[in-house]
Amino acid sequence: MIEVSGRFLHPVYRGNTLYPMLEIVDSKIKIQPGYYNAATIHDQNDVLVFEGTQRYLIRKRVG
């Protein structure tokens, strides 16, 4: 992982059920090695409690 950013939008309490979701937003492997994910987390009431991005470095196979 190269970069992580995000923020909590609502409080989360013990006993809450959380549902994470990752979506590949951008994959520019030829320009920069890696890809960006958009991360969101909703609680059991479908309230968005977290949103952010992650950038991962991946190895490219030769051939």
C-alpha atoms as a PDB file:
ATOM      1  CA  MET A   1       0.000   0.000   0.000  1.00  0.00           C
ATOM      2  CA  ILE A   2       1.369   3.378  -1.013  1.00  0.00           C
ATOM      3  CA  GLU A   3      -1.233   5.872   0.168  1.00  0.00           C
ATOM      4  CA  VAL A   4      -4.337   5.907   2.378  1.00  0.00           C
ATOM      5  CA  SER A   5      -6.723   8.761   3.085  1.00  0.00           C
ATOM      6  CA  GLY A   6     -10.226   8.906   4.458  1.00  0.00           C
ATOM      7  CA  ARG A   7     -12.541  10.302   7.071  1.00  0.00           C
ATOM      8  CA  PHE A   8     -15.251   9.128   9.418  1.00  0.00           C
ATOM      9  CA  LEU A   9     -18.567  10.820   8.725  1.00  0.00           C
ATOM     10  CA  HIS A  10     -20.608   9.437  11.640  1.00  0.00           C
ATOM     11  CA  PRO A  11     -19.721   7.773  14.945  1.00  0.00           C
ATOM     12  CA  VAL A  12     -19.406   3.986  15.173  1.00  0.00           C
ATOM     13  CA  TYR A  13     -20.248   2.194  18.409  1.00  0.00           C
ATOM     14  CA  ARG A  14     -19.552  -1.231  19.854  1.00  0.00           C
ATOM     15  CA  GLY A  15     -22.212  -3.617  18.593  1.00  0.00           C
ATOM     16  CA  ASN A  16     -22.665  -1.875  15.224  1.00  0.00           C
ATOM     17  CA  THR A  17     -22.527  -4.081  12.150  1.00  0.00           C
ATOM     18  CA  LEU A  18     -20.302  -2.595   9.448  1.00  0.00           C
ATOM     19  CA  TYR A  19     -20.326  -3.348   5.726  1.00  0.00           C
ATOM     20  CA  PRO A  20     -17.148  -2.374   3.816  1.00  0.00           C
ATOM     21  CA  MET A  21     -17.075  -1.842   0.044  1.00  0.00           C
ATOM     22  CA  LEU A  22     -14.028  -1.390  -2.201  1.00  0.00           C
ATOM     23  CA  GLU A  23     -14.256  -0.201  -5.792  1.00  0.00           C
ATOM     24  CA  ILE A  24     -11.354   0.094  -8.228  1.00  0.00           C
ATOM     25  CA  VAL A  25     -11.569   3.695  -9.400  1.00  0.00           C
ATOM     26  CA  ASP A  26      -8.460   4.124 -11.522  1.00  0.00           C
ATOM     27  CA  SER A  27      -5.918   1.722 -12.967  1.00  0.00           C
ATOM     28  CA  LYS A  28      -3.062   3.567 -14.683  1.00  0.00           C
ATOM     29  CA  ILE A  29      -0.500   0.803 -14.621  1.00  0.00           C
ATOM     30  CA  LYS A  30       1.330   2.116 -17.703  1.00  0.00           C
ATOM     31  CA  ILE A  31       1.727   5.649 -16.290  1.00  0.00           C
ATOM     32  CA  GLN A  32       2.178   4.822 -12.594  1.00  0.00           C
ATOM     33  CA  PRO A  33       2.454   1.335 -11.141  1.00  0.00           C
ATOM     34  CA  GLY A  34      -0.607   0.782  -9.004  1.00  0.00           C
ATOM     35  CA  TYR A  35      -4.305   1.454  -8.758  1.00  0.00           C
ATOM     36  CA  TYR A  36      -6.745   3.498  -6.656  1.00  0.00           C
ATOM     37  CA  ASN A  37      -9.607   2.081  -4.609  1.00  0.00           C
ATOM     38  CA  ALA A  38     -12.564   4.002  -3.249  1.00  0.00           C
ATOM     39  CA  ALA A  39     -13.429   2.652   0.197  1.00  0.00           C
ATOM     40  CA  THR A  40     -16.793   3.132   1.879  1.00  0.00           C
ATOM     41  CA  ILE A  41     -18.247   1.652   5.048  1.00  0.00           C
ATOM     42  CA  HIS A  42     -21.966   1.623   5.878  1.00  0.00           C
ATOM     43  CA  ASP A  43     -23.559   0.598   9.166  1.00  0.00           C
ATOM     44  CA  GLN A  44     -26.555  -1.668   9.746  1.00  0.00           C
ATOM     45  CA  ASN A  45     -28.919   1.266   9.060  1.00  0.00           C
ATOM     46  CA  ASP A  46     -27.274   1.907   5.660  1.00  0.00           C
ATOM     47  CA  VAL A  47     -25.687   5.133   6.963  1.00  0.00           C
ATOM     48  CA  LEU A  48     -22.350   5.995   5.344  1.00  0.00           C
ATOM     49  CA  VAL A  49     -19.894   6.151   8.259  1.00  0.00           C
ATOM     50  CA  PHE A  50     -16.545   6.202   6.412  1.00  0.00           C
ATOM     51  CA  GLU A  51     -15.262   7.160   2.971  1.00  0.00           C
ATOM     52  CA  GLY A  52     -11.756   7.288   1.618  1.00  0.00           C
ATOM     53  CA  THR A  53      -9.241   6.179  -0.994  1.00  0.00           C
ATOM     54  CA  GLN A  54      -6.358   3.729  -1.063  1.00  0.00           C
ATOM     55  CA  ARG A  55      -3.514   3.409  -3.547  1.00  0.00           C
ATOM     56  CA  TYR A  56      -1.800   0.055  -3.995  1.00  0.00           C
ATOM     57  CA  LEU A  57       1.451  -0.768  -5.737  1.00  0.00           C
ATOM     58  CA  ILE A  58       1.301  -3.937  -7.807  1.00  0.00           C
ATOM     59  CA  ARG A  59       3.984  -5.830  -9.644  1.00  0.00           C
ATOM     60  CA  LYS A  60       3.569  -6.065 -13.395  1.00  0.00           C
ATOM     61  CA  ARG A  61       4.428  -9.360 -15.066  1.00  0.00           C
ATOM     62  CA  VAL A  62       6.853  -9.270 -17.960  1.00  0.00           C
ATOM     63  CA  GLY A  63       5.598 -10.909 -21.142  1.00  0.00           C
END
